[in-house]
Amino acid sequence: MQEEQLTRGSSPQLDAILGKKFKVLNDGFIRVVDYMGNDGAIVQAARVSYGAGTKKVSEDRGLIRYLMRHLHTTPFEMCDIKLHLRIPMDAWRQWIRHRTASVNEYSTRYSIAIDAAQETLPGEWRRQSESNKQGSAGFFSEREGEEFSREEKELHREMRRVYEKRLERGMAREQARKDLPLATYTEAYWKINLHNLLHFLALRMDSHAQYEIRAYAEIIGNEIVSRWVPLAWEAFMDYRFKARRLSALETQIIRAIAGGDKSGAKKQMEEWGLLKYREGKLLRNRERLEMEEKLRELGLDIPWRD
């Protein structure tokens, strides 16, 4: 019996940028080191369930869109990618919380810390959001920003001087590093399958994600994944990233508003405890605010805001 001749799937568009550094922030970068699989690998894994002679069950694009639409995740795990990145330590703290990847990071116990730190331009200093404890909203003035940027440079310069002085005096690297600022860049190799990578991107490309990590995620998605698996990327954008999930309550509210029953929609909101007032002022409720955002996107009125 003759063995089946297998060929390794590749993505010519991704091959063209292997090793290319995409600049991020002032001194960061991200590049593709290696990968396995492509859109064809996703299709191949999905179709193995159907058995021989059924390769024409669906076109590749239609099948991939079906898999994404119906949350069939394992076929997307057949694709892997390895990235090399340089990123500020504070953003890396968020990144490393995604525990579904294989990671090897630059060690400042064995090597001297990278002599680079993230710098913030005067117009990039953000204010704390009043409605989101973990987010920002708006910017400081250019004049205020110039002061912050000047202080930042002075602080980085002084901490680097102290660090290098400790090393010169013979202090152990593992201890000399302890006062380095979180803006110091680190480097890592990060290997992850496509399913988990898309989950990472869904969270970190979101407008609510911190800007610094979002800058990396947008390059991974728009410059790398789009070249690697264009059909899967298209499906991801359509059915996950740009899509909006509706809860049972949201569906009821939309049905009532679309049917012209605004008073009924408002009554339902009150029954669910999402409309509460204090001294005539509508109290903040995160679930309601998220619903209101979806209603605006759909071009619908918000009855309780009238």
C-alpha atoms as a PDB file:
ATOM      1  CA  MET A   1       0.000   0.000   0.000  1.00  0.00           C
ATOM      2  CA  GLN A   2       1.444   3.332  -1.049  1.00  0.00           C
ATOM      3  CA  GLU A   3       1.815   5.939   1.684  1.00  0.00           C
ATOM      4  CA  GLU A   4      -0.017   9.242   1.234  1.00  0.00           C
ATOM      5  CA  GLN A   5       2.351  12.021   0.198  1.00  0.00           C
ATOM      6  CA  LEU A   6       2.002  14.916   2.635  1.00  0.00           C
ATOM      7  CA  THR A   7       3.091  18.473   2.052  1.00  0.00           C
ATOM      8  CA  ARG A   8       3.676  21.122   4.681  1.00  0.00           C
ATOM      9  CA  GLY A   9       1.090  23.885   4.618  1.00  0.00           C
ATOM     10  CA  SER A  10       2.485  27.379   4.306  1.00  0.00           C
ATOM     11  CA  SER A  11       1.334  30.975   4.064  1.00  0.00           C
ATOM     12  CA  PRO A  12       3.347  32.837   1.401  1.00  0.00           C
ATOM     13  CA  GLN A  13       2.223  36.225   2.732  1.00  0.00           C
ATOM     14  CA  LEU A  14       3.513  35.345   6.190  1.00  0.00           C
ATOM     15  CA  ASP A  15       6.714  33.825   4.802  1.00  0.00           C
ATOM     16  CA  ALA A  16       7.413  37.213   3.228  1.00  0.00           C
ATOM     17  CA  ILE A  17       7.619  38.907   6.643  1.00  0.00           C
ATOM     18  CA  LEU A  18       9.366  36.206   8.705  1.00  0.00           C
ATOM     19  CA  GLY A  19      11.901  37.929  10.936  1.00  0.00           C
ATOM     20  CA  LYS A  20      10.703  41.414  10.022  1.00  0.00           C
ATOM     21  CA  LYS A  21      10.497  43.684  13.069  1.00  0.00           C
ATOM     22  CA  PHE A  22       7.314  45.697  13.415  1.00  0.00           C
ATOM     23  CA  LYS A  23       8.068  48.728  15.561  1.00  0.00           C
ATOM     24  CA  VAL A  24       5.795  49.292  18.564  1.00  0.00           C
ATOM     25  CA  LEU A  25       5.873  52.255  20.968  1.00  0.00           C
ATOM     26  CA  ASN A  26       9.239  54.038  21.105  1.00  0.00           C
ATOM     27  CA  ASP A  27      11.622  51.072  21.271  1.00  0.00           C
ATOM     28  CA  GLY A  28       9.500  47.937  21.218  1.00  0.00           C
ATOM     29  CA  PHE A  29       9.001  45.489  18.405  1.00  0.00           C
ATOM     30  CA  ILE A  30       7.321  42.249  17.436  1.00  0.00           C
ATOM     31  CA  ARG A  31       8.289  39.741  14.757  1.00  0.00           C
ATOM     32  CA  VAL A  32       7.360  36.244  13.587  1.00  0.00           C
ATOM     33  CA  VAL A  33      10.028  33.611  14.256  1.00  0.00           C
ATOM     34  CA  ASP A  34       8.188  30.499  13.057  1.00  0.00           C
ATOM     35  CA  TYR A  35       4.728  29.069  12.478  1.00  0.00           C
ATOM     36  CA  MET A  36       2.885  25.846  11.739  1.00  0.00           C
ATOM     37  CA  GLY A  37      -0.306  25.474   9.739  1.00  0.00           C
ATOM     38  CA  ASN A  38      -2.527  27.789   7.729  1.00  0.00           C
ATOM     39  CA  ASP A  39      -6.193  28.051   6.752  1.00  0.00           C
ATOM     40  CA  GLY A  40      -5.849  24.656   5.109  1.00  0.00           C
ATOM     41  CA  ALA A  41      -4.787  23.056   8.395  1.00  0.00           C
ATOM     42  CA  ILE A  42      -7.985  24.293  10.036  1.00  0.00           C
ATOM     43  CA  VAL A  43     -10.093  22.809   7.262  1.00  0.00           C
ATOM     44  CA  GLN A  44      -8.120  19.551   7.272  1.00  0.00           C
ATOM     45  CA  ALA A  45      -8.641  19.083  11.014  1.00  0.00           C
ATOM     46  CA  ALA A  46     -12.371  19.810  10.773  1.00  0.00           C
ATOM     47  CA  ARG A  47     -12.956  17.464   7.845  1.00  0.00           C
ATOM     48  CA  VAL A  48     -11.229  14.482   9.418  1.00  0.00           C
ATOM     49  CA  SER A  49     -14.467  13.988  11.342  1.00  0.00           C
ATOM     50  CA  TYR A  50     -16.378  13.397   8.119  1.00  0.00           C
ATOM     51  CA  GLY A  51     -14.170  10.570   6.865  1.00  0.00           C
ATOM     52  CA  ALA A  52     -12.850   9.865   3.385  1.00  0.00           C
ATOM     53  CA  GLY A  53     -14.564  11.085   0.269  1.00  0.00           C
ATOM     54  CA  THR A  54     -16.265  14.094   1.822  1.00  0.00           C
ATOM     55  CA  LYS A  55     -13.739  16.858   1.127  1.00  0.00           C
ATOM     56  CA  LYS A  56     -16.334  18.785  -0.847  1.00  0.00           C
ATOM     57  CA  VAL A  57     -18.771  19.088   2.059  1.00  0.00           C
ATOM     58  CA  SER A  58     -18.156  22.818   2.032  1.00  0.00           C
ATOM     59  CA  GLU A  59     -15.835  25.358   0.556  1.00  0.00           C
ATOM     60  CA  ASP A  60     -12.906  26.192   2.801  1.00  0.00           C
ATOM     61  CA  ARG A  61     -14.118  29.709   3.512  1.00  0.00           C
ATOM     62  CA  GLY A  62     -17.635  28.588   4.308  1.00  0.00           C
ATOM     63  CA  LEU A  63     -16.414  25.838   6.610  1.00  0.00           C
ATOM     64  CA  ILE A  64     -14.056  28.130   8.516  1.00  0.00           C
ATOM     65  CA  ARG A  65     -16.838  30.673   8.951  1.00  0.00           C
ATOM     66  CA  TYR A  66     -19.143  27.911  10.173  1.00  0.00           C
ATOM     67  CA  LEU A  67     -16.556  26.763  12.720  1.00  0.00           C
ATOM     68  CA  MET A  68     -16.024  30.294  14.011  1.00  0.00           C
ATOM     69  CA  ARG A  69     -19.742  31.051  14.078  1.00  0.00           C
ATOM     70  CA  HIS A  70     -20.593  27.930  16.061  1.00  0.00           C
ATOM     71  CA  LEU A  71     -17.598  28.067  18.428  1.00  0.00           C
ATOM     72  CA  HIS A  72     -15.899  24.890  17.193  1.00  0.00           C
ATOM     73  CA  THR A  73     -12.484  25.717  18.599  1.00  0.00           C
ATOM     74  CA  THR A  74     -10.265  22.638  18.243  1.00  0.00           C
ATOM     75  CA  PRO A  75      -9.606  22.979  14.480  1.00  0.00           C
ATOM     76  CA  PHE A  76      -8.070  26.403  15.177  1.00  0.00           C
ATOM     77  CA  GLU A  77      -5.697  24.775  17.654  1.00  0.00           C
ATOM     78  CA  MET A  78      -3.987  23.020  14.730  1.00  0.00           C
ATOM     79  CA  CYS A  79      -2.133  26.261  13.894  1.00  0.00           C
ATOM     80  CA  ASP A  80       0.759  27.560  16.005  1.00  0.00           C
ATOM     81  CA  ILE A  81       2.911  30.671  15.806  1.00  0.00           C
ATOM     82  CA  LYS A  82       6.063  31.787  17.624  1.00  0.00           C
ATOM     83  CA  LEU A  83       6.683  35.491  18.134  1.00  0.00           C
ATOM     84  CA  HIS A  84       9.675  37.430  19.420  1.00  0.00           C
ATOM     85  CA  LEU A  85       8.763  40.662  21.149  1.00  0.00           C
ATOM     86  CA  ARG A  86      10.262  43.549  23.075  1.00  0.00           C
ATOM     87  CA  ILE A  87       7.741  45.113  25.433  1.00  0.00           C
ATOM     88  CA  PRO A  88       7.703  47.308  28.573  1.00  0.00           C
ATOM     89  CA  MET A  89       7.531  45.280  31.764  1.00  0.00           C
ATOM     90  CA  ASP A  90       4.242  46.816  32.927  1.00  0.00           C
ATOM     91  CA  ALA A  91       2.506  45.808  29.670  1.00  0.00           C
ATOM     92  CA  TRP A  92       4.202  42.392  29.863  1.00  0.00           C
ATOM     93  CA  ARG A  93       2.561  41.862  33.262  1.00  0.00           C
ATOM     94  CA  GLN A  94      -0.827  41.993  31.546  1.00  0.00           C
ATOM     95  CA  TRP A  95       0.366  39.919  28.597  1.00  0.00           C
ATOM     96  CA  ILE A  96       1.721  37.070  30.723  1.00  0.00           C
ATOM     97  CA  ARG A  97      -1.650  36.611  32.416  1.00  0.00           C
ATOM     98  CA  HIS A  98      -2.730  34.808  29.247  1.00  0.00           C
ATOM     99  CA  ARG A  99      -1.491  31.439  30.449  1.00  0.00           C
ATOM    100  CA  THR A 100      -2.270  29.505  27.271  1.00  0.00           C
ATOM    101  CA  ALA A 101       1.132  29.978  25.621  1.00  0.00           C
ATOM    102  CA  SER A 102       4.687  28.720  25.934  1.00  0.00           C
ATOM    103  CA  VAL A 103       6.986  31.533  27.083  1.00  0.00           C
ATOM    104  CA  ASN A 104      10.669  32.142  27.560  1.00  0.00           C
ATOM    105  CA  GLU A 105      11.609  35.628  28.777  1.00  0.00           C
ATOM    106  CA  TYR A 106      14.862  37.554  28.893  1.00  0.00           C
ATOM    107  CA  SER A 107      16.337  37.079  32.379  1.00  0.00           C
ATOM    108  CA  THR A 108      17.869  39.958  34.322  1.00  0.00           C
ATOM    109  CA  ARG A 109      19.254  37.438  36.813  1.00  0.00           C
ATOM    110  CA  TYR A 110      21.668  36.176  34.171  1.00  0.00           C
ATOM    111  CA  SER A 111      21.959  39.172  31.852  1.00  0.00           C
ATOM    112  CA  ILE A 112      22.172  42.931  32.248  1.00  0.00           C
ATOM    113  CA  ALA A 113      18.787  44.605  31.880  1.00  0.00           C
ATOM    114  CA  ILE A 114      17.999  46.030  28.452  1.00  0.00           C
ATOM    115  CA  ASP A 115      19.091  49.667  28.358  1.00  0.00           C
ATOM    116  CA  ALA A 116      15.799  51.000  27.042  1.00  0.00           C
ATOM    117  CA  ALA A 117      12.577  52.178  28.638  1.00  0.00           C
ATOM    118  CA  GLN A 118       9.228  53.216  27.243  1.00  0.00           C
ATOM    119  CA  GLU A 119       9.066  56.974  26.792  1.00  0.00           C
ATOM    120  CA  THR A 120       5.831  58.935  26.780  1.00  0.00           C
ATOM    121  CA  LEU A 121       5.436  61.964  24.538  1.00  0.00           C
ATOM    122  CA  PRO A 122       3.951  65.155  26.060  1.00  0.00           C
ATOM    123  CA  GLY A 123       0.611  64.641  24.304  1.00  0.00           C
ATOM    124  CA  GLU A 124       0.263  60.999  25.397  1.00  0.00           C
ATOM    125  CA  TRP A 125      -0.278  61.349  29.164  1.00  0.00           C
ATOM    126  CA  ARG A 126      -3.759  60.044  29.970  1.00  0.00           C
ATOM    127  CA  ARG A 127      -6.126  60.957  32.786  1.00  0.00           C
ATOM    128  CA  GLN A 128      -7.773  58.410  35.072  1.00  0.00           C
ATOM    129  CA  SER A 129     -11.303  57.512  34.028  1.00  0.00           C
ATOM    130  CA  GLU A 130     -13.956  58.422  36.587  1.00  0.00           C
ATOM    131  CA  SER A 131     -16.289  55.635  35.455  1.00  0.00           C
ATOM    132  CA  ASN A 132     -13.717  52.858  34.977  1.00  0.00           C
ATOM    133  CA  LYS A 133     -11.284  52.221  37.820  1.00  0.00           C
ATOM    134  CA  GLN A 134      -8.861  50.363  35.579  1.00  0.00           C
ATOM    135  CA  GLY A 135      -8.984  52.639  32.553  1.00  0.00           C
ATOM    136  CA  SER A 136      -8.188  56.095  31.259  1.00  0.00           C
ATOM    137  CA  ALA A 137     -10.216  58.855  29.669  1.00  0.00           C
ATOM    138  CA  GLY A 138      -8.862  61.983  28.018  1.00  0.00           C
ATOM    139  CA  PHE A 139      -5.410  63.540  28.092  1.00  0.00           C
ATOM    140  CA  PHE A 140      -3.461  66.125  30.031  1.00  0.00           C
ATOM    141  CA  SER A 141      -2.581  69.361  28.262  1.00  0.00           C
ATOM    142  CA  GLU A 142       0.598  69.555  26.202  1.00  0.00           C
ATOM    143  CA  ARG A 143       2.121  71.898  28.787  1.00  0.00           C
ATOM    144  CA  GLU A 144       1.458  69.489  31.644  1.00  0.00           C
ATOM    145  CA  GLY A 145       2.654  66.627  29.478  1.00  0.00           C
ATOM    146  CA  GLU A 146       5.987  68.316  28.851  1.00  0.00           C
ATOM    147  CA  GLU A 147       6.561  68.397  32.609  1.00  0.00           C
ATOM    148  CA  PHE A 148       5.650  64.712  32.995  1.00  0.00           C
ATOM    149  CA  SER A 149       7.905  63.697  30.084  1.00  0.00           C
ATOM    150  CA  ARG A 150      10.835  65.679  31.472  1.00  0.00           C
ATOM    151  CA  GLU A 151      10.416  64.067  34.892  1.00  0.00           C
ATOM    152  CA  GLU A 152      10.121  60.654  33.269  1.00  0.00           C
ATOM    153  CA  LYS A 153      13.457  61.043  31.462  1.00  0.00           C
ATOM    154  CA  GLU A 154      15.169  62.252  34.622  1.00  0.00           C
ATOM    155  CA  LEU A 155      13.793  59.314  36.622  1.00  0.00           C
ATOM    156  CA  HIS A 156      14.794  56.737  34.015  1.00  0.00           C
ATOM    157  CA  ARG A 157      18.266  58.220  33.724  1.00  0.00           C
ATOM    158  CA  GLU A 158      18.787  58.213  37.504  1.00  0.00           C
ATOM    159  CA  MET A 159      17.504  54.662  38.005  1.00  0.00           C
ATOM    160  CA  ARG A 160      19.748  53.398  35.212  1.00  0.00           C
ATOM    161  CA  ARG A 161      22.720  55.166  36.794  1.00  0.00           C
ATOM    162  CA  VAL A 162      21.999  53.545  40.169  1.00  0.00           C
ATOM    163  CA  TYR A 163      21.548  50.136  38.553  1.00  0.00           C
ATOM    164  CA  GLU A 164      24.824  50.291  36.636  1.00  0.00           C
ATOM    165  CA  LYS A 165      26.683  51.573  39.713  1.00  0.00           C
ATOM    166  CA  ARG A 166      25.455  48.557  41.695  1.00  0.00           C
ATOM    167  CA  LEU A 167      26.700  46.205  38.985  1.00  0.00           C
ATOM    168  CA  GLU A 168      30.098  47.941  38.909  1.00  0.00           C
ATOM    169  CA  ARG A 169      30.375  47.469  42.671  1.00  0.00           C
ATOM    170  CA  GLY A 170      29.797  43.756  42.235  1.00  0.00           C
ATOM    171  CA  MET A 171      26.202  43.501  43.429  1.00  0.00           C
ATOM    172  CA  ALA A 172      24.315  40.378  42.300  1.00  0.00           C
ATOM    173  CA  ARG A 173      22.275  41.073  39.168  1.00  0.00           C
ATOM    174  CA  GLU A 174      19.201  39.525  40.761  1.00  0.00           C
ATOM    175  CA  GLN A 175      19.263  42.222  43.451  1.00  0.00           C
ATOM    176  CA  ALA A 176      20.660  45.153  41.497  1.00  0.00           C
ATOM    177  CA  ARG A 177      17.617  45.037  39.216  1.00  0.00           C
ATOM    178  CA  LYS A 178      14.966  45.449  41.893  1.00  0.00           C
ATOM    179  CA  ASP A 179      14.515  49.222  41.527  1.00  0.00           C
ATOM    180  CA  LEU A 180      14.394  49.353  37.748  1.00  0.00           C
ATOM    181  CA  PRO A 181      11.222  51.106  36.521  1.00  0.00           C
ATOM    182  CA  LEU A 182       8.371  49.058  35.076  1.00  0.00           C
ATOM    183  CA  ALA A 183       8.880  51.012  31.850  1.00  0.00           C
ATOM    184  CA  THR A 184      12.083  49.019  31.246  1.00  0.00           C
ATOM    185  CA  TYR A 185      11.807  46.827  28.170  1.00  0.00           C
ATOM    186  CA  THR A 186      11.990  43.067  28.373  1.00  0.00           C
ATOM    187  CA  GLU A 187      12.079  40.510  25.551  1.00  0.00           C
ATOM    188  CA  ALA A 188      10.415  37.136  25.178  1.00  0.00           C
ATOM    189  CA  TYR A 189       9.626  34.326  22.802  1.00  0.00           C
ATOM    190  CA  TRP A 190       5.904  33.572  22.869  1.00  0.00           C
ATOM    191  CA  LYS A 191       4.415  30.489  21.176  1.00  0.00           C
ATOM    192  CA  ILE A 192       0.657  30.030  21.034  1.00  0.00           C
ATOM    193  CA  ASN A 193      -2.001  28.258  18.983  1.00  0.00           C
ATOM    194  CA  LEU A 194      -4.440  30.209  16.840  1.00  0.00           C
ATOM    195  CA  HIS A 195      -7.494  29.555  19.011  1.00  0.00           C
ATOM    196  CA  ASN A 196      -5.842  31.030  22.102  1.00  0.00           C
ATOM    197  CA  LEU A 197      -4.238  33.815  20.084  1.00  0.00           C
ATOM    198  CA  LEU A 198      -7.626  34.937  18.788  1.00  0.00           C
ATOM    199  CA  HIS A 199      -8.931  35.001  22.355  1.00  0.00           C
ATOM    200  CA  PHE A 200      -5.953  37.176  23.325  1.00  0.00           C
ATOM    201  CA  LEU A 201      -6.649  39.526  20.429  1.00  0.00           C
ATOM    202  CA  ALA A 202     -10.375  39.739  21.194  1.00  0.00           C
ATOM    203  CA  LEU A 203      -9.479  41.087  24.640  1.00  0.00           C
ATOM    204  CA  ARG A 204      -6.386  43.153  23.889  1.00  0.00           C
ATOM    205  CA  MET A 205      -7.506  44.785  20.627  1.00  0.00           C
ATOM    206  CA  ASP A 206     -10.672  45.976  22.331  1.00  0.00           C
ATOM    207  CA  SER A 207     -10.970  49.741  22.739  1.00  0.00           C
ATOM    208  CA  HIS A 208     -11.174  49.269  26.520  1.00  0.00           C
ATOM    209  CA  ALA A 209      -7.755  47.571  26.693  1.00  0.00           C
ATOM    210  CA  GLN A 210      -4.754  49.603  27.851  1.00  0.00           C
ATOM    211  CA  TYR A 211      -3.238  51.492  24.936  1.00  0.00           C
ATOM    212  CA  GLU A 212       0.277  50.080  25.284  1.00  0.00           C
ATOM    213  CA  ILE A 213      -0.724  46.407  25.009  1.00  0.00           C
ATOM    214  CA  ARG A 214      -3.386  47.265  22.441  1.00  0.00           C
ATOM    215  CA  ALA A 215      -0.645  48.675  20.189  1.00  0.00           C
ATOM    216  CA  TYR A 216       1.020  45.242  20.144  1.00  0.00           C
ATOM    217  CA  ALA A 217      -2.241  43.341  19.689  1.00  0.00           C
ATOM    218  CA  GLU A 218      -3.295  45.442  16.704  1.00  0.00           C
ATOM    219  CA  ILE A 219      -0.020  44.734  14.918  1.00  0.00           C
ATOM    220  CA  ILE A 220      -0.289  41.004  15.652  1.00  0.00           C
ATOM    221  CA  GLY A 221      -3.819  40.945  14.267  1.00  0.00           C
ATOM    222  CA  ASN A 222      -3.671  43.354  11.347  1.00  0.00           C
ATOM    223  CA  GLU A 223      -0.118  42.714  10.180  1.00  0.00           C
ATOM    224  CA  ILE A 224       0.547  39.087  11.125  1.00  0.00           C
ATOM    225  CA  VAL A 225      -2.581  36.965  11.631  1.00  0.00           C
ATOM    226  CA  SER A 226      -4.301  38.550   8.617  1.00  0.00           C
ATOM    227  CA  ARG A 227      -1.398  37.338   6.446  1.00  0.00           C
ATOM    228  CA  TRP A 228      -1.068  33.964   8.146  1.00  0.00           C
ATOM    229  CA  VAL A 229      -4.713  32.762   8.060  1.00  0.00           C
ATOM    230  CA  PRO A 230      -6.729  35.311   6.047  1.00  0.00           C
ATOM    231  CA  LEU A 231      -9.931  33.230   5.986  1.00  0.00           C
ATOM    232  CA  ALA A 232      -9.862  32.616   9.741  1.00  0.00           C
ATOM    233  CA  TRP A 233      -9.036  36.281  10.350  1.00  0.00           C
ATOM    234  CA  GLU A 234     -12.005  37.396   8.249  1.00  0.00           C
ATOM    235  CA  ALA A 235     -14.305  35.043  10.169  1.00  0.00           C
ATOM    236  CA  PHE A 236     -12.894  36.209  13.499  1.00  0.00           C
ATOM    237  CA  MET A 237     -13.515  39.854  12.668  1.00  0.00           C
ATOM    238  CA  ASP A 238     -17.054  39.143  11.478  1.00  0.00           C
ATOM    239  CA  TYR A 239     -18.245  36.746  14.176  1.00  0.00           C
ATOM    240  CA  ARG A 240     -16.217  37.733  17.220  1.00  0.00           C
ATOM    241  CA  PHE A 241     -14.352  41.015  17.222  1.00  0.00           C
ATOM    242  CA  LYS A 242     -16.881  43.192  15.407  1.00  0.00           C
ATOM    243  CA  ALA A 243     -19.875  41.150  16.510  1.00  0.00           C
ATOM    244  CA  ARG A 244     -22.024  41.880  19.552  1.00  0.00           C
ATOM    245  CA  ARG A 245     -23.476  39.223  21.821  1.00  0.00           C
ATOM    246  CA  LEU A 246     -26.972  39.780  23.151  1.00  0.00           C
ATOM    247  CA  SER A 247     -28.253  38.443  26.449  1.00  0.00           C
ATOM    248  CA  ALA A 248     -31.807  37.194  26.813  1.00  0.00           C
ATOM    249  CA  LEU A 249     -32.747  40.465  28.515  1.00  0.00           C
ATOM    250  CA  GLU A 250     -31.108  42.576  25.809  1.00  0.00           C
ATOM    251  CA  THR A 251     -33.014  40.647  23.163  1.00  0.00           C
ATOM    252  CA  GLN A 252     -36.305  41.367  24.975  1.00  0.00           C
ATOM    253  CA  ILE A 253     -35.475  45.070  25.302  1.00  0.00           C
ATOM    254  CA  ILE A 254     -34.507  45.388  21.628  1.00  0.00           C
ATOM    255  CA  ARG A 255     -37.683  43.584  20.570  1.00  0.00           C
ATOM    256  CA  ALA A 256     -39.793  45.960  22.666  1.00  0.00           C
ATOM    257  CA  ILE A 257     -38.036  49.110  21.384  1.00  0.00           C
ATOM    258  CA  ALA A 258     -38.149  47.958  17.756  1.00  0.00           C
ATOM    259  CA  GLY A 259     -41.860  47.211  18.205  1.00  0.00           C
ATOM    260  CA  GLY A 260     -42.533  50.713  19.492  1.00  0.00           C
ATOM    261  CA  ASP A 261     -43.214  49.612  23.069  1.00  0.00           C
ATOM    262  CA  LYS A 262     -40.796  51.989  24.812  1.00  0.00           C
ATOM    263  CA  SER A 263     -42.752  52.053  28.051  1.00  0.00           C
ATOM    264  CA  GLY A 264     -42.693  48.245  28.131  1.00  0.00           C
ATOM    265  CA  ALA A 265     -38.925  48.268  27.617  1.00  0.00           C
ATOM    266  CA  LYS A 266     -38.481  50.704  30.469  1.00  0.00           C
ATOM    267  CA  LYS A 267     -40.732  48.623  32.726  1.00  0.00           C
ATOM    268  CA  GLN A 268     -38.690  45.505  32.000  1.00  0.00           C
ATOM    269  CA  MET A 269     -35.507  47.356  32.907  1.00  0.00           C
ATOM    270  CA  GLU A 270     -37.038  48.446  36.208  1.00  0.00           C
ATOM    271  CA  GLU A 271     -38.178  44.894  36.990  1.00  0.00           C
ATOM    272  CA  TRP A 272     -34.642  43.627  36.376  1.00  0.00           C
ATOM    273  CA  GLY A 273     -33.247  46.243  38.765  1.00  0.00           C
ATOM    274  CA  LEU A 274     -31.254  48.067  36.086  1.00  0.00           C
ATOM    275  CA  LEU A 275     -33.013  51.409  36.578  1.00  0.00           C
ATOM    276  CA  LYS A 276     -32.433  52.772  40.048  1.00  0.00           C
ATOM    277  CA  TYR A 277     -32.526  56.407  41.058  1.00  0.00           C
ATOM    278  CA  ARG A 278     -31.215  58.524  43.884  1.00  0.00           C
ATOM    279  CA  GLU A 279     -32.519  62.051  44.313  1.00  0.00           C
ATOM    280  CA  GLY A 280     -33.937  61.896  40.789  1.00  0.00           C
ATOM    281  CA  LYS A 281     -30.591  60.893  39.269  1.00  0.00           C
ATOM    282  CA  LEU A 282     -30.143  57.594  37.437  1.00  0.00           C
ATOM    283  CA  LEU A 283     -27.520  55.539  39.264  1.00  0.00           C
ATOM    284  CA  ARG A 284     -24.624  54.042  37.367  1.00  0.00           C
ATOM    285  CA  ASN A 285     -24.987  50.385  36.400  1.00  0.00           C
ATOM    286  CA  ARG A 286     -22.334  48.690  34.259  1.00  0.00           C
ATOM    287  CA  GLU A 287     -24.697  46.110  32.738  1.00  0.00           C
ATOM    288  CA  ARG A 288     -27.109  48.839  31.688  1.00  0.00           C
ATOM    289  CA  LEU A 289     -24.331  51.016  30.266  1.00  0.00           C
ATOM    290  CA  GLU A 290     -23.054  48.130  28.153  1.00  0.00           C
ATOM    291  CA  MET A 291     -26.594  47.535  26.886  1.00  0.00           C
ATOM    292  CA  GLU A 292     -26.973  51.222  26.043  1.00  0.00           C
ATOM    293  CA  GLU A 293     -23.765  51.089  24.004  1.00  0.00           C
ATOM    294  CA  LYS A 294     -25.211  48.223  21.930  1.00  0.00           C
ATOM    295  CA  LEU A 295     -28.495  50.087  21.430  1.00  0.00           C
ATOM    296  CA  ARG A 296     -26.602  53.130  20.097  1.00  0.00           C
ATOM    297  CA  GLU A 297     -24.641  50.942  17.694  1.00  0.00           C
ATOM    298  CA  LEU A 298     -27.941  49.543  16.392  1.00  0.00           C
ATOM    299  CA  GLY A 299     -29.368  53.040  15.980  1.00  0.00           C
ATOM    300  CA  LEU A 300     -32.114  52.466  18.548  1.00  0.00           C
ATOM    301  CA  ASP A 301     -33.545  54.917  21.041  1.00  0.00           C
ATOM    302  CA  ILE A 302     -32.896  54.483  24.747  1.00  0.00           C
ATOM    303  CA  PRO A 303     -36.332  54.983  26.352  1.00  0.00           C
ATOM    304  CA  TRP A 304     -35.099  55.622  29.896  1.00  0.00           C
ATOM    305  CA  ARG A 305     -32.792  58.371  28.564  1.00  0.00           C
ATOM    306  CA  ASP A 306     -35.590  60.296  26.844  1.00  0.00           C
END
